[in-house]
Amino acid sequence: MLRDFVSSSCIIFQKFLDSNFVPADWRIANVTPIFKKGDQSLPCNYRPVSLTSVVCKAMESVIKDCLLLSFR
């Protein structure tokens, strides 16, 4: 079952890469400010956290690994 998922994912990722297509949902990030410390009224005491598509993160990871292998 996992092998089928990986195989299907690879085919889909390859089609996206071949066509230079990124689904619109993958290009959207929900950014939420998270308080760090200090005065809560100062914007500099917050850091942004981006929530993005899990599938997009998986594809980015595959691409990163492939690039790292090609540089060795």
PDB file of N, CA and C in Angstrom:
ATOM      1  N   MET A   1       0.825  -1.189   0.000  1.00  0.00           N
ATOM      2  CA  MET A   1       0.000   0.000   0.000  1.00  0.00           C
ATOM      3  C   MET A   1       0.879   1.267   0.000  1.00  0.00           C
ATOM      4  N   LEU A   2       1.884   1.283   0.862  1.00  0.00           N
ATOM      5  CA  LEU A   2       2.791   2.426   0.897  1.00  0.00           C
ATOM      6  C   LEU A   2       3.547   2.550  -0.417  1.00  0.00           C
ATOM      7  N   ARG A   3       3.945   1.405  -0.963  1.00  0.00           N
ATOM      8  CA  ARG A   3       4.669   1.417  -2.237  1.00  0.00           C
ATOM      9  C   ARG A   3       3.802   2.022  -3.340  1.00  0.00           C
ATOM     10  N   ASP A   4       2.505   1.710  -3.351  1.00  0.00           N
ATOM     11  CA  ASP A   4       1.584   2.282  -4.339  1.00  0.00           C
ATOM     12  C   ASP A   4       1.463   3.786  -4.166  1.00  0.00           C
ATOM     13  N   PHE A   5       1.404   4.228  -2.913  1.00  0.00           N
ATOM     14  CA  PHE A   5       1.297   5.669  -2.631  1.00  0.00           C
ATOM     15  C   PHE A   5       2.543   6.399  -3.113  1.00  0.00           C
ATOM     16  N   VAL A   6       3.695   5.848  -2.804  1.00  0.00           N
ATOM     17  CA  VAL A   6       4.957   6.478  -3.204  1.00  0.00           C
ATOM     18  C   VAL A   6       5.066   6.522  -4.723  1.00  0.00           C
ATOM     19  N   SER A   7       4.718   5.436  -5.359  1.00  0.00           N
ATOM     20  CA  SER A   7       4.778   5.379  -6.814  1.00  0.00           C
ATOM     21  C   SER A   7       3.845   6.412  -7.450  1.00  0.00           C
ATOM     22  N   SER A   8       2.628   6.491  -6.953  1.00  0.00           N
ATOM     23  CA  SER A   8       1.663   7.466  -7.471  1.00  0.00           C
ATOM     24  C   SER A   8       2.138   8.892  -7.230  1.00  0.00           C
ATOM     25  N   SER A   9       2.680   9.127  -6.048  1.00  0.00           N
ATOM     26  CA  SER A   9       3.176  10.465  -5.716  1.00  0.00           C
ATOM     27  C   SER A   9       4.314  10.864  -6.640  1.00  0.00           C
ATOM     28  N   CYS A  10       5.217   9.940  -6.909  1.00  0.00           N
ATOM     29  CA  CYS A  10       6.340  10.226  -7.800  1.00  0.00           C
ATOM     30  C   CYS A  10       5.856  10.588  -9.201  1.00  0.00           C
ATOM     31  N   ILE A  11       4.873   9.884  -9.681  1.00  0.00           N
ATOM     32  CA  ILE A  11       4.328  10.166 -11.013  1.00  0.00           C
ATOM     33  C   ILE A  11       3.706  11.562 -11.041  1.00  0.00           C
ATOM     34  N   ILE A  12       2.926  11.882 -10.034  1.00  0.00           N
ATOM     35  CA  ILE A  12       2.289  13.199  -9.967  1.00  0.00           C
ATOM     36  C   ILE A  12       3.339  14.299  -9.865  1.00  0.00           C
ATOM     37  N   PHE A  13       4.323  14.127  -8.968  1.00  0.00           N
ATOM     38  CA  PHE A  13       5.379  15.130  -8.806  1.00  0.00           C
ATOM     39  C   PHE A  13       6.136  15.325 -10.113  1.00  0.00           C
ATOM     40  N   GLN A  14       6.435  14.241 -10.800  1.00  0.00           N
ATOM     41  CA  GLN A  14       7.171  14.341 -12.057  1.00  0.00           C
ATOM     42  C   GLN A  14       6.371  15.103 -13.105  1.00  0.00           C
ATOM     43  N   LYS A  15       5.059  14.863 -13.173  1.00  0.00           N
ATOM     44  CA  LYS A  15       4.224  15.594 -14.130  1.00  0.00           C
ATOM     45  C   LYS A  15       4.217  17.093 -13.814  1.00  0.00           C
ATOM     46  N   PHE A  16       4.148  17.428 -12.532  1.00  0.00           N
ATOM     47  CA  PHE A  16       4.199  18.846 -12.143  1.00  0.00           C
ATOM     48  C   PHE A  16       5.534  19.466 -12.539  1.00  0.00           C
ATOM     49  N   LEU A  17       6.629  18.752 -12.287  1.00  0.00           N
ATOM     50  CA  LEU A  17       7.951  19.279 -12.616  1.00  0.00           C
ATOM     51  C   LEU A  17       8.130  19.424 -14.123  1.00  0.00           C
ATOM     52  N   ASP A  18       7.674  18.436 -14.871  1.00  0.00           N
ATOM     53  CA  ASP A  18       7.801  18.475 -16.327  1.00  0.00           C
ATOM     54  C   ASP A  18       7.021  19.630 -16.943  1.00  0.00           C
ATOM     55  N   SER A  19       5.893  19.960 -16.356  1.00  0.00           N
ATOM     56  CA  SER A  19       5.039  21.009 -16.931  1.00  0.00           C
ATOM     57  C   SER A  19       5.230  22.373 -16.264  1.00  0.00           C
ATOM     58  N   ASN A  20       6.162  22.460 -15.299  1.00  0.00           N
ATOM     59  CA  ASN A  20       6.382  23.710 -14.553  1.00  0.00           C
ATOM     60  C   ASN A  20       5.080  24.221 -13.936  1.00  0.00           C
ATOM     61  N   PHE A  21       4.278  23.309 -13.434  1.00  0.00           N
ATOM     62  CA  PHE A  21       2.985  23.652 -12.853  1.00  0.00           C
ATOM     63  C   PHE A  21       3.011  23.413 -11.351  1.00  0.00           C
ATOM     64  N   VAL A  22       2.519  24.402 -10.617  1.00  0.00           N
ATOM     65  CA  VAL A  22       2.352  24.270  -9.170  1.00  0.00           C
ATOM     66  C   VAL A  22       0.899  24.597  -8.861  1.00  0.00           C
ATOM     67  N   PRO A  23       0.170  23.672  -8.257  1.00  0.00           N
ATOM     68  CA  PRO A  23      -1.229  23.949  -7.937  1.00  0.00           C
ATOM     69  C   PRO A  23      -1.370  25.211  -7.070  1.00  0.00           C
ATOM     70  N   ALA A  24      -2.412  25.962  -7.320  1.00  0.00           N
ATOM     71  CA  ALA A  24      -2.626  27.224  -6.612  1.00  0.00           C
ATOM     72  C   ALA A  24      -2.655  27.042  -5.096  1.00  0.00           C
ATOM     73  N   ASP A  25      -3.264  25.961  -4.629  1.00  0.00           N
ATOM     74  CA  ASP A  25      -3.339  25.725  -3.188  1.00  0.00           C
ATOM     75  C   ASP A  25      -1.958  25.565  -2.558  1.00  0.00           C
ATOM     76  N   TRP A  26      -1.000  25.096  -3.336  1.00  0.00           N
ATOM     77  CA  TRP A  26       0.352  24.883  -2.820  1.00  0.00           C
ATOM     78  C   TRP A  26       1.103  26.201  -2.670  1.00  0.00           C
ATOM     79  N   ARG A  27       0.669  27.238  -3.364  1.00  0.00           N
ATOM     80  CA  ARG A  27       1.364  28.527  -3.319  1.00  0.00           C
ATOM     81  C   ARG A  27       0.833  29.437  -2.232  1.00  0.00           C
ATOM     82  N   ILE A  28      -0.144  28.970  -1.483  1.00  0.00           N
ATOM     83  CA  ILE A  28      -0.761  29.779  -0.433  1.00  0.00           C
ATOM     84  C   ILE A  28      -0.264  29.305   0.923  1.00  0.00           C
ATOM     85  N   ALA A  29       0.101  30.260   1.758  1.00  0.00           N
ATOM     86  CA  ALA A  29       0.518  29.938   3.122  1.00  0.00           C
ATOM     87  C   ALA A  29      -0.333  30.757   4.090  1.00  0.00           C
ATOM     88  N   ASN A  30      -0.784  30.121   5.147  1.00  0.00           N
ATOM     89  CA  ASN A  30      -1.473  30.833   6.213  1.00  0.00           C
ATOM     90  C   ASN A  30      -0.415  31.236   7.225  1.00  0.00           C
ATOM     91  N   VAL A  31      -0.191  32.546   7.341  1.00  0.00           N
ATOM     92  CA  VAL A  31       0.847  33.057   8.230  1.00  0.00           C
ATOM     93  C   VAL A  31       0.192  33.546   9.517  1.00  0.00           C
ATOM     94  N   THR A  32       0.702  33.031  10.636  1.00  0.00           N
ATOM     95  CA  THR A  32       0.176  33.388  11.952  1.00  0.00           C
ATOM     96  C   THR A  32       1.307  33.952  12.796  1.00  0.00           C
ATOM     97  N   PRO A  33       1.099  35.131  13.414  1.00  0.00           N
ATOM     98  CA  PRO A  33       2.145  35.668  14.295  1.00  0.00           C
ATOM     99  C   PRO A  33       2.138  34.936  15.635  1.00  0.00           C
ATOM    100  N   ILE A  34       3.308  34.498  16.069  1.00  0.00           N
ATOM    101  CA  ILE A  34       3.455  33.803  17.344  1.00  0.00           C
ATOM    102  C   ILE A  34       4.277  34.687  18.275  1.00  0.00           C
ATOM    103  N   PHE A  35       3.746  34.941  19.457  1.00  0.00           N
ATOM    104  CA  PHE A  35       4.432  35.790  20.428  1.00  0.00           C
ATOM    105  C   PHE A  35       5.682  35.098  20.958  1.00  0.00           C
ATOM    106  N   LYS A  36       6.803  35.847  21.009  1.00  0.00           N
ATOM    107  CA  LYS A  36       8.055  35.299  21.533  1.00  0.00           C
ATOM    108  C   LYS A  36       8.191  35.643  23.014  1.00  0.00           C
ATOM    109  N   LYS A  37       8.490  36.894  23.301  1.00  0.00           N
ATOM    110  CA  LYS A  37       8.623  37.352  24.683  1.00  0.00           C
ATOM    111  C   LYS A  37       8.676  38.871  24.686  1.00  0.00           C
ATOM    112  N   GLY A  38       8.521  39.450  25.853  1.00  0.00           N
ATOM    113  CA  GLY A  38       8.575  40.906  25.977  1.00  0.00           C
ATOM    114  C   GLY A  38       7.195  41.530  25.898  1.00  0.00           C
ATOM    115  N   ASP A  39       7.170  42.747  25.400  1.00  0.00           N
ATOM    116  CA  ASP A  39       5.937  43.537  25.314  1.00  0.00           C
ATOM    117  C   ASP A  39       5.084  43.041  24.146  1.00  0.00           C
ATOM    118  N   GLN A  40       3.872  42.592  24.463  1.00  0.00           N
ATOM    119  CA  GLN A  40       2.995  42.053  23.412  1.00  0.00           C
ATOM    120  C   GLN A  40       2.477  43.115  22.453  1.00  0.00           C
ATOM    121  N   SER A  41       2.654  44.390  22.793  1.00  0.00           N
ATOM    122  CA  SER A  41       2.171  45.454  21.900  1.00  0.00           C
ATOM    123  C   SER A  41       3.199  45.799  20.825  1.00  0.00           C
ATOM    124  N   LEU A  42       4.412  45.242  20.914  1.00  0.00           N
ATOM    125  CA  LEU A  42       5.451  45.522  19.922  1.00  0.00           C
ATOM    126  C   LEU A  42       5.512  44.413  18.879  1.00  0.00           C
ATOM    127  N   PRO A  43       5.361  44.776  17.607  1.00  0.00           N
ATOM    128  CA  PRO A  43       5.393  43.760  16.542  1.00  0.00           C
ATOM    129  C   PRO A  43       6.709  42.977  16.479  1.00  0.00           C
ATOM    130  N   CYS A  44       7.810  43.583  16.915  1.00  0.00           N
ATOM    131  CA  CYS A  44       9.098  42.888  16.824  1.00  0.00           C
ATOM    132  C   CYS A  44       9.195  41.718  17.802  1.00  0.00           C
ATOM    133  N   ASN A  45       8.244  41.584  18.705  1.00  0.00           N
ATOM    134  CA  ASN A  45       8.247  40.479  19.660  1.00  0.00           C
ATOM    135  C   ASN A  45       7.416  39.290  19.174  1.00  0.00           C
ATOM    136  N   TYR A  46       7.121  39.278  17.902  1.00  0.00           N
ATOM    137  CA  TYR A  46       6.373  38.182  17.294  1.00  0.00           C
ATOM    138  C   TYR A  46       7.197  37.601  16.155  1.00  0.00           C
ATOM    139  N   ARG A  47       7.008  36.323  15.896  1.00  0.00           N
ATOM    140  CA  ARG A  47       7.642  35.696  14.740  1.00  0.00           C
ATOM    141  C   ARG A  47       6.555  35.073  13.881  1.00  0.00           C
ATOM    142  N   PRO A  48       6.730  35.116  12.564  1.00  0.00           N
ATOM    143  CA  PRO A  48       5.719  34.519  11.693  1.00  0.00           C
ATOM    144  C   PRO A  48       5.896  33.000  11.583  1.00  0.00           C
ATOM    145  N   VAL A  49       4.783  32.289  11.602  1.00  0.00           N
ATOM    146  CA  VAL A  49       4.779  30.853  11.358  1.00  0.00           C
ATOM    147  C   VAL A  49       3.880  30.616  10.155  1.00  0.00           C
ATOM    148  N   SER A  50       4.418  29.951   9.137  1.00  0.00           N
ATOM    149  CA  SER A  50       3.669  29.700   7.909  1.00  0.00           C
ATOM    150  C   SER A  50       3.182  28.262   7.870  1.00  0.00           C
ATOM    151  N   LEU A  51       1.907  28.109   7.623  1.00  0.00           N
ATOM    152  CA  LEU A  51       1.312  26.783   7.447  1.00  0.00           C
ATOM    153  C   LEU A  51       1.075  26.593   5.958  1.00  0.00           C
ATOM    154  N   THR A  52       1.753  25.602   5.387  1.00  0.00           N
ATOM    155  CA  THR A  52       1.631  25.346   3.957  1.00  0.00           C
ATOM    156  C   THR A  52       1.153  23.917   3.717  1.00  0.00           C
ATOM    157  N   SER A  53       0.932  23.601   2.477  1.00  0.00           N
ATOM    158  CA  SER A  53       0.438  22.285   2.082  1.00  0.00           C
ATOM    159  C   SER A  53       1.446  21.192   2.428  1.00  0.00           C
ATOM    160  N   VAL A  54       0.975  20.129   3.048  1.00  0.00           N
ATOM    161  CA  VAL A  54       1.832  18.993   3.397  1.00  0.00           C
ATOM    162  C   VAL A  54       2.346  18.311   2.129  1.00  0.00           C
ATOM    163  N   VAL A  55       1.526  18.219   1.114  1.00  0.00           N
ATOM    164  CA  VAL A  55       1.941  17.592  -0.145  1.00  0.00           C
ATOM    165  C   VAL A  55       3.050  18.421  -0.796  1.00  0.00           C
ATOM    166  N   CYS A  56       2.910  19.732  -0.735  1.00  0.00           N
ATOM    167  CA  CYS A  56       3.934  20.614  -1.292  1.00  0.00           C
ATOM    168  C   CYS A  56       5.249  20.448  -0.537  1.00  0.00           C
ATOM    169  N   LYS A  57       5.170  20.348   0.781  1.00  0.00           N
ATOM    170  CA  LYS A  57       6.383  20.142   1.574  1.00  0.00           C
ATOM    171  C   LYS A  57       7.051  18.819   1.215  1.00  0.00           C
ATOM    172  N   ALA A  58       6.252  17.799   0.960  1.00  0.00           N
ATOM    173  CA  ALA A  58       6.803  16.499   0.566  1.00  0.00           C
ATOM    174  C   ALA A  58       7.526  16.620  -0.770  1.00  0.00           C
ATOM    175  N   MET A  59       6.910  17.317  -1.719  1.00  0.00           N
ATOM    176  CA  MET A  59       7.539  17.487  -3.018  1.00  0.00           C
ATOM    177  C   MET A  59       8.815  18.311  -2.893  1.00  0.00           C
ATOM    178  N   GLU A  60       8.801  19.351  -2.072  1.00  0.00           N
ATOM    179  CA  GLU A  60      10.006  20.144  -1.855  1.00  0.00           C
ATOM    180  C   GLU A  60      11.125  19.287  -1.279  1.00  0.00           C
ATOM    181  N   SER A  61      10.773  18.401  -0.382  1.00  0.00           N
ATOM    182  CA  SER A  61      11.765  17.518   0.229  1.00  0.00           C
ATOM    183  C   SER A  61      12.377  16.578  -0.810  1.00  0.00           C
ATOM    184  N   VAL A  62      11.556  16.038  -1.680  1.00  0.00           N
ATOM    185  CA  VAL A  62      12.047  15.152  -2.741  1.00  0.00           C
ATOM    186  C   VAL A  62      12.979  15.918  -3.673  1.00  0.00           C
ATOM    187  N   ILE A  63      12.585  17.123  -4.057  1.00  0.00           N
ATOM    188  CA  ILE A  63      13.415  17.938  -4.946  1.00  0.00           C
ATOM    189  C   ILE A  63      14.738  18.281  -4.269  1.00  0.00           C
ATOM    190  N   LYS A  64      14.674  18.657  -2.990  1.00  0.00           N
ATOM    191  CA  LYS A  64      15.898  18.993  -2.248  1.00  0.00           C
ATOM    192  C   LYS A  64      16.846  17.802  -2.217  1.00  0.00           C
ATOM    193  N   ASP A  65      16.311  16.621  -1.916  1.00  0.00           N
ATOM    194  CA  ASP A  65      17.153  15.419  -1.855  1.00  0.00           C
ATOM    195  C   ASP A  65      17.782  15.115  -3.216  1.00  0.00           C
ATOM    196  N   CYS A  66      17.018  15.278  -4.274  1.00  0.00           N
ATOM    197  CA  CYS A  66      17.550  15.038  -5.620  1.00  0.00           C
ATOM    198  C   CYS A  66      18.655  16.039  -5.959  1.00  0.00           C
ATOM    199  N   LEU A  67      18.456  17.293  -5.596  1.00  0.00           N
ATOM    200  CA  LEU A  67      19.480  18.307  -5.859  1.00  0.00           C
ATOM    201  C   LEU A  67      20.750  18.013  -5.073  1.00  0.00           C
ATOM    202  N   LEU A  68      20.595  17.640  -3.817  1.00  0.00           N
ATOM    203  CA  LEU A  68      21.771  17.334  -3.003  1.00  0.00           C
ATOM    204  C   LEU A  68      22.549  16.145  -3.570  1.00  0.00           C
ATOM    205  N   LEU A  69      21.831  15.139  -4.041  1.00  0.00           N
ATOM    206  CA  LEU A  69      22.493  13.983  -4.643  1.00  0.00           C
ATOM    207  C   LEU A  69      23.237  14.363  -5.926  1.00  0.00           C
ATOM    208  N   SER A  70      22.661  15.279  -6.699  1.00  0.00           N
ATOM    209  CA  SER A  70      23.299  15.658  -7.962  1.00  0.00           C
ATOM    210  C   SER A  70      24.541  16.523  -7.744  1.00  0.00           C
ATOM    211  N   PHE A  71      24.641  17.184  -6.586  1.00  0.00           N
ATOM    212  CA  PHE A  71      25.811  18.014  -6.293  1.00  0.00           C
ATOM    213  C   PHE A  71      26.978  17.210  -5.745  1.00  0.00           C
ATOM    214  N   ARG A  72      26.750  15.972  -5.374  1.00  0.00           N
ATOM    215  CA  ARG A  72      27.823  15.150  -4.799  1.00  0.00           C
ATOM    216  C   ARG A  72      28.681  14.523  -5.847  1.00  0.00           C
TER     217      ARG A  72
END
